Amino acid sequence: MDTRLKTDTSSKAGTFRYARSLFAVSIVPALCFIIYYLIDNLWNGAFVEWFEKNYMLIQNEYLPETGQYALTYSPVWPKLKSMLLAIFILTVTLWLLSVLVTSHLYARDKVRKSITETSRILRTYMMTDAETTEIFPKEYAELSVQMAEIKSTMQRHEQILKEEAARKNDLITYLAHDLKTPLTSVIGYLSLLDEASDMPGSQKEKYVRITLDKAQRLEKLTNEFFEITRYNLQQIALEKETIDLCYMLVQMTDEFYPLLTSHGNTAHLNVREDMTIYGDALKLARVFNNILKNAIAYSYPDTAIEIWAEERAEETLIFFRNKGKTIPAQKLESIFEKFFRLDEARTTNAGGAGLGLAIAKEIVTLHGGDIAVESRDELTTFCLSLPSCH
């Protein structure tokens, strides 16, 4: 139905254009006749007199039949031929000029309509999800192929920009979350120093040193936050090195001492002193901090949090286990998703934004490792798998 309608419309338009061109061509002789008629009548026959004087031979001849003299008119052919040739050339010139002007106007009008129609087709195609065959006529086949490629490229670029914007927003949220960890430690140690006035000097010195270290860490995270435009989770440059795993975990449990104490928890560490891993120390420290903080948040008071490590042929396994409510299987599947929080934690001050484990998984994955969790019989165990140091 639509195709037949388009064909009828095109046929009518073609007929109209042909009639208009024919009219433009035939109007020249008509205009010449009208001009001649107006001039001759306006000048009271002056044109005829001029023509007779210049191009006609008038003679007074004797007519034997009547015995009288009469005026006879005969054309002066040399002059008349020149005039007719000039009129012919002028007429042809005017006709050609009219054809050229008409063709030019017609071509310009056709181009304008073609541009308008093409613009309409392109706008319709770019603003809808229709296929090219539904929008472009057959004569636009080559253009439809090119536009399909352009649209596909634009959609890919748009998707890339959306993903980059989403990653940037995620990273802003991640860093904002991670600012809490050193800030919590600083506040915890300063509170201990303020409350324990009789604390031994060596202990005070140790806590001040740890507090300063966490404050410097906080400053570094703040700087990282302000340089967010240069940070992309898919393009993080890992500064890998050999890491003393035992020393890192001992240092971490010391830093979390105030938080452990406030919850009535203890940390039991079982890691060989010679165990090492290969990775980015700062980012893996962030992983361990987030997992330990999560274990403290969801553990029963007055229980121990166990941390141990095992070496395998190609990997090192690091475990964090806490005693608390068993996490349902359906929630374990989502525990590493961003913003996921267990319902029980929402009624406590320990509940965070639900990003710590998502951050941990991102960083472990970037190291070529994996992270898993299981929860049964009120024991929840996180297992980190990292490539072994060779």
Protein backbone atom coordinates (compact mmCIF):
# COMPACT_ATOMS: atom_id res chain seq x y z
CA MET A 1 0.00 0.00 0.00
CA ASP A 2 2.74 2.47 0.98
CA THR A 3 4.85 1.53 -2.05
CA ARG A 4 1.93 2.07 -4.46
CA LEU A 5 1.18 5.42 -2.84
CA LYS A 6 4.81 6.51 -3.20
CA THR A 7 4.79 5.43 -6.89
CA ASP A 8 1.59 7.38 -7.64
CA THR A 9 2.96 10.44 -5.89
CA SER A 10 6.23 10.26 -7.85
CA SER A 11 4.31 9.86 -11.14
CA LYS A 12 2.16 12.90 -10.44
CA ALA A 13 5.20 14.92 -9.47
CA GLY A 14 6.97 13.93 -12.72
CA THR A 15 3.95 14.92 -14.85
CA PHE A 16 3.74 18.26 -13.09
CA ARG A 17 7.43 18.97 -13.65
CA TYR A 18 7.11 18.08 -17.39
CA ALA A 19 4.12 20.38 -17.83
CA ARG A 20 5.92 23.19 -16.06
CA SER A 21 8.99 22.81 -18.29
CA LEU A 22 6.83 22.74 -21.45
CA PHE A 23 5.07 25.90 -20.34
CA ALA A 24 8.38 27.66 -19.68
CA VAL A 25 9.69 26.73 -23.16
CA SER A 26 6.52 27.67 -25.09
CA ILE A 27 6.06 31.01 -23.39
CA VAL A 28 8.90 32.64 -25.40
CA PRO A 29 7.09 32.72 -28.80
CA ALA A 30 3.92 33.81 -27.06
CA LEU A 31 5.74 36.67 -25.39
CA CYS A 32 7.24 37.71 -28.75
CA PHE A 33 3.78 37.86 -30.35
CA ILE A 34 2.34 39.79 -27.43
CA ILE A 35 5.21 42.28 -27.54
CA TYR A 36 4.78 42.73 -31.29
CA TYR A 37 1.02 43.26 -30.93
CA LEU A 38 1.40 45.80 -28.15
CA ILE A 39 4.18 47.73 -29.91
CA ASP A 40 2.37 47.84 -33.23
CA ASN A 41 -0.90 49.02 -31.73
CA LEU A 42 0.76 51.37 -29.26
CA TRP A 43 2.75 53.08 -31.99
CA ASN A 44 -0.21 53.17 -34.38
CA GLY A 45 1.35 51.01 -37.09
CA ALA A 46 4.79 52.55 -36.86
CA PHE A 47 6.36 49.11 -36.86
CA VAL A 48 4.56 48.17 -40.10
CA GLU A 49 5.63 51.38 -41.74
CA TRP A 50 9.23 50.81 -40.65
CA PHE A 51 9.12 47.27 -41.97
CA GLU A 52 7.67 48.33 -45.33
CA LYS A 53 10.19 51.10 -45.69
CA ASN A 54 13.22 48.93 -44.98
CA TYR A 55 12.31 45.48 -46.18
CA MET A 56 9.68 45.96 -48.90
CA LEU A 57 10.04 47.35 -52.45
CA ILE A 58 7.07 49.56 -53.33
CA GLN A 59 6.50 50.29 -57.05
CA ASN A 60 3.85 52.19 -58.99
CA GLU A 61 3.09 49.81 -61.89
CA TYR A 62 0.77 50.22 -64.86
CA LEU A 63 -1.93 47.60 -65.13
CA PRO A 64 -2.95 47.06 -68.77
CA GLU A 65 -6.10 45.26 -67.84
CA THR A 66 -7.49 48.22 -66.04
CA GLY A 67 -5.49 50.90 -67.68
CA GLN A 68 -4.55 52.25 -64.27
CA TYR A 69 -1.49 52.49 -62.06
CA ALA A 70 -1.32 50.54 -58.80
CA LEU A 71 1.16 50.12 -55.92
CA THR A 72 2.86 46.74 -55.78
CA TYR A 73 4.78 45.35 -52.78
CA SER A 74 7.63 42.89 -53.10
CA PRO A 75 10.15 41.90 -50.39
CA VAL A 76 13.75 42.96 -50.55
CA TRP A 77 15.08 39.45 -50.06
CA PRO A 78 18.68 40.22 -49.10
CA LYS A 79 17.59 42.52 -46.29
CA LEU A 80 14.63 40.37 -45.31
CA LYS A 81 16.76 37.25 -45.12
CA SER A 82 19.21 39.03 -42.82
CA MET A 83 16.36 40.19 -40.59
CA LEU A 84 14.75 36.75 -40.50
CA LEU A 85 18.10 35.20 -39.67
CA ALA A 86 18.59 37.70 -36.85
CA ILE A 87 15.07 36.98 -35.55
CA PHE A 88 15.71 33.25 -35.76
CA ILE A 89 19.02 33.56 -33.91
CA LEU A 90 17.42 35.81 -31.29
CA THR A 91 14.50 33.42 -30.86
CA VAL A 92 16.76 30.40 -30.53
CA THR A 93 18.98 32.30 -28.09
CA LEU A 94 16.01 33.32 -25.98
CA TRP A 95 14.68 29.78 -26.12
CA LEU A 96 18.02 28.34 -25.05
CA LEU A 97 18.28 30.88 -22.27
CA SER A 98 14.80 30.00 -21.07
CA VAL A 99 15.67 26.30 -21.16
CA LEU A 100 18.89 26.90 -19.24
CA VAL A 101 17.18 29.09 -16.65
CA THR A 102 14.33 26.63 -16.30
CA SER A 103 16.72 23.69 -16.01
CA HIS A 104 18.78 25.53 -13.44
CA LEU A 105 15.72 26.44 -11.38
CA TYR A 106 14.38 22.92 -11.73
CA ALA A 107 17.72 21.35 -10.75
CA ARG A 108 18.06 23.68 -7.77
CA ASP A 109 14.53 22.91 -6.67
CA LYS A 110 15.18 19.19 -7.14
CA VAL A 111 18.38 19.39 -5.08
CA ARG A 112 16.59 21.33 -2.36
CA LYS A 113 13.79 18.78 -2.21
CA SER A 114 16.31 15.93 -2.31
CA ILE A 115 18.24 17.46 0.59
CA THR A 116 15.02 17.99 2.53
CA GLU A 117 13.89 14.43 1.88
CA THR A 118 17.31 12.99 2.72
CA SER A 119 17.41 15.03 5.91
CA ARG A 120 13.98 13.75 6.88
CA ILE A 121 14.99 10.15 6.19
CA LEU A 122 18.25 10.48 8.13
CA ARG A 123 16.52 12.12 11.08
CA THR A 124 13.88 9.40 11.16
CA TYR A 125 16.50 6.66 10.95
CA MET A 126 18.75 8.12 13.65
CA MET A 127 15.87 8.76 16.06
CA THR A 128 14.26 5.32 15.77
CA ASP A 129 15.32 1.70 16.09
CA ALA A 130 13.94 0.79 12.66
CA GLU A 131 16.01 -1.13 10.13
CA THR A 132 17.42 0.63 7.07
CA THR A 133 15.07 -1.31 4.78
CA GLU A 134 12.11 0.19 6.63
CA ILE A 135 13.29 3.79 6.25
CA PHE A 136 15.42 4.16 3.11
CA PRO A 137 13.94 3.81 -0.42
CA LYS A 138 15.75 1.51 -2.85
CA GLU A 139 17.53 4.41 -4.56
CA TYR A 140 19.16 5.22 -1.20
CA ALA A 141 20.70 1.75 -0.84
CA GLU A 142 24.33 2.92 -0.75
CA LEU A 143 23.53 5.72 1.69
CA SER A 144 21.60 3.31 3.92
CA VAL A 145 24.65 1.04 4.23
CA GLN A 146 26.89 3.97 5.18
CA MET A 147 24.36 5.31 7.68
CA ALA A 148 23.99 1.88 9.27
CA GLU A 149 27.75 1.81 9.85
CA ILE A 150 27.76 5.37 11.21
CA LYS A 151 24.84 4.65 13.54
CA SER A 152 26.47 1.47 14.79
CA THR A 153 29.73 3.35 15.46
CA MET A 154 27.90 6.14 17.28
CA GLN A 155 26.01 3.63 19.42
CA ARG A 156 29.27 1.87 20.33
CA HIS A 157 30.89 5.18 21.27
CA GLU A 158 27.83 6.17 23.28
CA GLN A 159 27.92 2.85 25.14
CA ILE A 160 31.64 3.28 25.83
CA LEU A 161 31.03 6.78 27.20
CA LYS A 162 28.21 5.49 29.41
CA GLU A 163 30.41 2.69 30.74
CA GLU A 164 33.27 5.11 31.40
CA ALA A 165 30.92 7.48 33.23
CA ALA A 166 29.54 4.58 35.27
CA ARG A 167 33.05 3.40 36.17
CA LYS A 168 34.04 6.92 37.16
CA ASN A 169 30.96 7.25 39.36
CA ASP A 170 31.70 3.84 40.87
CA LEU A 171 35.26 4.86 41.62
CA ILE A 172 34.15 8.07 43.31
CA THR A 173 31.87 6.02 45.53
CA TYR A 174 34.63 3.46 46.17
CA LEU A 175 37.11 6.10 47.27
CA ALA A 176 34.54 7.84 49.43
CA HIS A 177 33.92 4.50 51.12
CA ASP A 178 37.62 3.82 51.61
CA LEU A 179 38.12 7.20 53.26
CA LYS A 180 36.19 5.80 56.21
CA THR A 181 38.73 3.09 57.06
CA PRO A 182 41.76 5.26 57.93
CA LEU A 183 39.50 7.89 59.46
CA THR A 184 37.98 5.27 61.76
CA SER A 185 41.46 4.13 62.82
CA VAL A 186 42.62 7.70 63.48
CA ILE A 187 39.56 8.42 65.61
CA GLY A 188 39.93 5.10 67.44
CA TYR A 189 43.59 5.61 68.38
CA LEU A 190 43.07 9.24 69.34
CA SER A 191 40.17 8.18 71.56
CA LEU A 192 42.42 5.61 73.27
CA LEU A 193 45.13 8.21 73.82
CA ASP A 194 42.58 10.63 75.21
CA GLU A 195 40.91 8.13 77.55
CA ALA A 196 43.98 6.21 78.78
CA SER A 197 45.93 8.97 80.50
CA ASP A 198 48.10 6.42 82.34
CA MET A 199 49.14 4.60 79.14
CA PRO A 200 52.87 3.77 79.04
CA GLY A 201 54.99 6.09 76.93
CA SER A 202 56.10 3.34 74.55
CA GLN A 203 52.48 2.38 73.91
CA LYS A 204 51.53 6.01 73.33
CA GLU A 205 54.41 6.40 70.92
CA LYS A 206 53.28 3.31 69.01
CA TYR A 207 49.69 4.54 68.76
CA VAL A 208 50.79 8.02 67.69
CA ARG A 209 52.94 6.48 64.97
CA ILE A 210 50.06 4.32 63.73
CA THR A 211 47.69 7.30 63.85
CA LEU A 212 50.11 9.39 61.80
CA ASP A 213 50.45 6.58 59.28
CA LYS A 214 46.67 6.29 58.91
CA ALA A 215 46.33 10.07 58.63
CA GLN A 216 48.89 10.04 55.83
CA ARG A 217 46.95 7.22 54.20
CA LEU A 218 43.83 9.35 54.50
CA GLU A 219 45.62 12.23 52.80
CA LYS A 220 46.70 9.94 49.97
CA LEU A 221 43.16 8.71 49.43
CA THR A 222 41.92 12.29 49.40
CA ASN A 223 44.45 13.18 46.72
CA GLU A 224 43.40 10.13 44.77
CA PHE A 225 39.80 11.28 45.04
CA PHE A 226 40.60 14.65 43.50
CA GLU A 227 42.52 12.99 40.65
CA ILE A 228 39.51 10.88 39.81
CA THR A 229 39.46 11.84 36.12
CA ARG A 230 42.76 10.00 35.59
CA TYR A 231 41.66 6.87 37.40
CA ASN A 232 39.89 4.03 35.61
CA LEU A 233 39.13 0.68 37.21
CA GLN A 234 39.83 -1.08 33.93
CA GLN A 235 43.20 0.62 33.48
CA ILE A 236 44.71 0.61 36.97
CA ALA A 237 48.49 0.34 36.77
CA LEU A 238 49.40 -2.20 39.44
CA GLU A 239 52.77 -1.56 41.06
CA LYS A 240 53.62 -5.16 41.83
CA GLU A 241 56.36 -6.23 44.19
CA THR A 242 57.22 -9.09 46.50
CA ILE A 243 55.16 -8.66 49.69
CA ASP A 244 55.91 -10.10 53.12
CA LEU A 245 52.44 -11.54 53.74
CA CYS A 246 52.98 -12.29 57.43
CA TYR A 247 54.23 -8.77 58.19
CA MET A 248 51.36 -7.17 56.25
CA LEU A 249 48.69 -9.16 58.13
CA VAL A 250 50.33 -8.53 61.53
CA GLN A 251 50.43 -4.82 60.78
CA MET A 252 46.80 -4.89 59.69
CA THR A 253 45.58 -6.59 62.88
CA ASP A 254 47.51 -4.05 64.96
CA GLU A 255 45.85 -1.20 63.09
CA PHE A 256 42.43 -2.72 63.69
CA TYR A 257 43.06 -3.24 67.40
CA PRO A 258 40.77 -0.34 68.48
CA LEU A 259 37.92 -1.59 66.30
CA LEU A 260 38.41 -5.19 67.43
CA THR A 261 38.45 -4.10 71.07
CA SER A 262 35.29 -2.03 70.70
CA HIS A 263 33.47 -5.14 69.42
CA GLY A 264 35.02 -7.44 71.98
CA ASN A 265 36.74 -9.44 69.23
CA THR A 266 40.26 -10.76 68.88
CA ALA A 267 42.29 -11.68 65.79
CA HIS A 268 44.10 -15.01 65.66
CA LEU A 269 46.78 -15.01 62.98
CA ASN A 270 48.39 -18.21 61.66
CA VAL A 271 50.76 -17.38 58.80
CA ARG A 272 54.32 -18.59 58.29
CA GLU A 273 56.86 -15.80 58.62
CA ASP A 274 58.51 -16.62 55.29
CA MET A 275 55.32 -16.53 53.21
CA THR A 276 55.29 -13.97 50.41
CA ILE A 277 52.91 -12.92 47.65
CA TYR A 278 53.41 -10.85 44.50
CA GLY A 279 51.16 -7.85 43.93
CA ASP A 280 50.41 -4.21 44.63
CA ALA A 281 50.93 -3.81 48.38
CA LEU A 282 48.70 -0.76 48.83
CA LYS A 283 45.78 -2.20 46.90
CA LEU A 284 46.02 -5.65 48.51
CA ALA A 285 46.17 -3.94 51.91
CA ARG A 286 42.87 -2.32 50.94
CA VAL A 287 41.45 -5.78 50.19
CA PHE A 288 42.54 -7.26 53.53
CA ASN A 289 41.29 -4.21 55.42
CA ASN A 290 37.86 -4.40 53.81
CA ILE A 291 37.48 -8.12 54.49
CA LEU A 292 38.61 -7.84 58.11
CA LYS A 293 36.34 -4.85 58.66
CA ASN A 294 33.44 -6.85 57.23
CA ALA A 295 34.29 -9.83 59.49
CA ILE A 296 34.27 -7.59 62.56
CA ALA A 297 30.96 -6.00 61.56
CA TYR A 298 29.15 -9.35 61.24
CA SER A 299 30.78 -11.38 64.04
CA TYR A 300 29.34 -12.17 67.43
CA PRO A 301 30.82 -10.16 70.34
CA ASP A 302 33.63 -11.80 72.31
CA THR A 303 34.57 -14.15 69.46
CA ALA A 304 37.83 -14.64 67.60
CA ILE A 305 38.43 -13.83 63.95
CA GLU A 306 40.78 -16.39 62.44
CA ILE A 307 43.23 -15.48 59.68
CA TRP A 308 45.50 -18.05 58.04
CA ALA A 309 47.24 -18.75 54.74
CA GLU A 310 48.16 -21.81 52.68
CA GLU A 311 50.59 -22.15 49.80
CA ARG A 312 49.69 -24.19 46.73
CA ALA A 313 51.64 -24.94 43.56
CA GLU A 314 50.49 -21.91 41.58
CA GLU A 315 48.63 -19.85 44.14
CA THR A 316 48.47 -18.66 47.72
CA LEU A 317 45.20 -18.98 49.64
CA ILE A 318 44.38 -16.50 52.40
CA PHE A 319 41.41 -17.19 54.70
CA PHE A 320 39.34 -14.93 56.99
CA ARG A 321 36.81 -16.67 59.25
CA ASN A 322 34.41 -15.14 61.76
CA LYS A 323 31.66 -16.58 63.94
CA GLY A 324 28.28 -14.97 63.36
CA LYS A 325 24.87 -15.59 61.90
CA THR A 326 24.90 -17.93 58.92
CA ILE A 327 24.44 -16.03 55.67
CA PRO A 328 21.66 -17.53 53.49
CA ALA A 329 22.82 -19.08 50.22
CA GLN A 330 20.81 -16.66 48.08
CA LYS A 331 22.53 -13.71 49.75
CA LEU A 332 25.98 -15.24 49.34
CA GLU A 333 25.47 -15.03 45.57
CA SER A 334 25.14 -11.23 45.80
CA ILE A 335 27.60 -10.48 48.57
CA PHE A 336 30.26 -9.12 46.17
CA GLU A 337 27.83 -6.86 44.33
CA LYS A 338 28.02 -3.13 44.87
CA PHE A 339 25.77 -1.68 47.59
CA PHE A 340 24.82 -5.12 48.89
CA ARG A 341 24.27 -5.25 52.66
CA LEU A 342 22.85 -7.92 54.93
CA ASP A 343 19.58 -6.90 56.57
CA GLU A 344 20.94 -7.48 60.07
CA ALA A 345 23.65 -4.89 59.58
CA ARG A 346 21.21 -2.11 58.71
CA THR A 347 20.15 -1.80 62.33
CA THR A 348 23.71 -1.43 63.61
CA ASN A 349 26.36 1.22 63.40
CA ALA A 350 28.68 -1.28 61.74
CA GLY A 351 26.74 -1.46 58.51
CA GLY A 352 28.53 0.34 55.69
CA ALA A 353 27.47 1.34 52.21
CA GLY A 354 27.87 -2.19 50.89
CA LEU A 355 30.97 -1.49 48.82
CA GLY A 356 33.89 -2.98 50.75
CA LEU A 357 33.61 -6.49 49.32
CA ALA A 358 32.91 -5.16 45.82
CA ILE A 359 36.14 -3.18 46.01
CA ALA A 360 37.99 -6.26 47.27
CA LYS A 361 36.75 -8.39 44.38
CA GLU A 362 37.71 -5.72 41.81
CA ILE A 363 41.28 -5.53 43.08
CA VAL A 364 41.75 -9.30 43.47
CA THR A 365 40.46 -9.85 39.93
CA LEU A 366 42.93 -7.27 38.60
CA HIS A 367 45.70 -9.32 40.23
CA GLY A 368 44.57 -12.41 38.32
CA GLY A 369 43.13 -13.99 41.46
CA ASP A 370 39.73 -14.87 42.84
CA ILE A 371 37.69 -14.42 45.99
CA ALA A 372 34.98 -16.71 47.35
CA VAL A 373 32.86 -17.06 50.49
CA GLU A 374 30.96 -19.79 52.28
CA SER A 375 28.77 -19.66 55.36
CA ARG A 376 27.54 -22.61 57.41
CA ASP A 377 27.02 -23.50 61.06
CA GLU A 378 27.46 -19.83 62.08
CA LEU A 379 30.94 -19.72 60.52
CA THR A 380 31.59 -17.44 57.53
CA THR A 381 34.85 -17.92 55.64
CA PHE A 382 36.32 -15.72 52.92
CA CYS A 383 39.01 -17.28 50.72
CA LEU A 384 41.34 -15.16 48.59
CA SER A 385 43.33 -16.82 45.84
CA LEU A 386 46.37 -14.89 44.59
CA PRO A 387 49.09 -16.00 42.16
CA SER A 388 52.15 -17.33 43.95
CA CYS A 389 55.36 -15.32 44.06
CA HIS A 390 58.05 -16.91 41.81
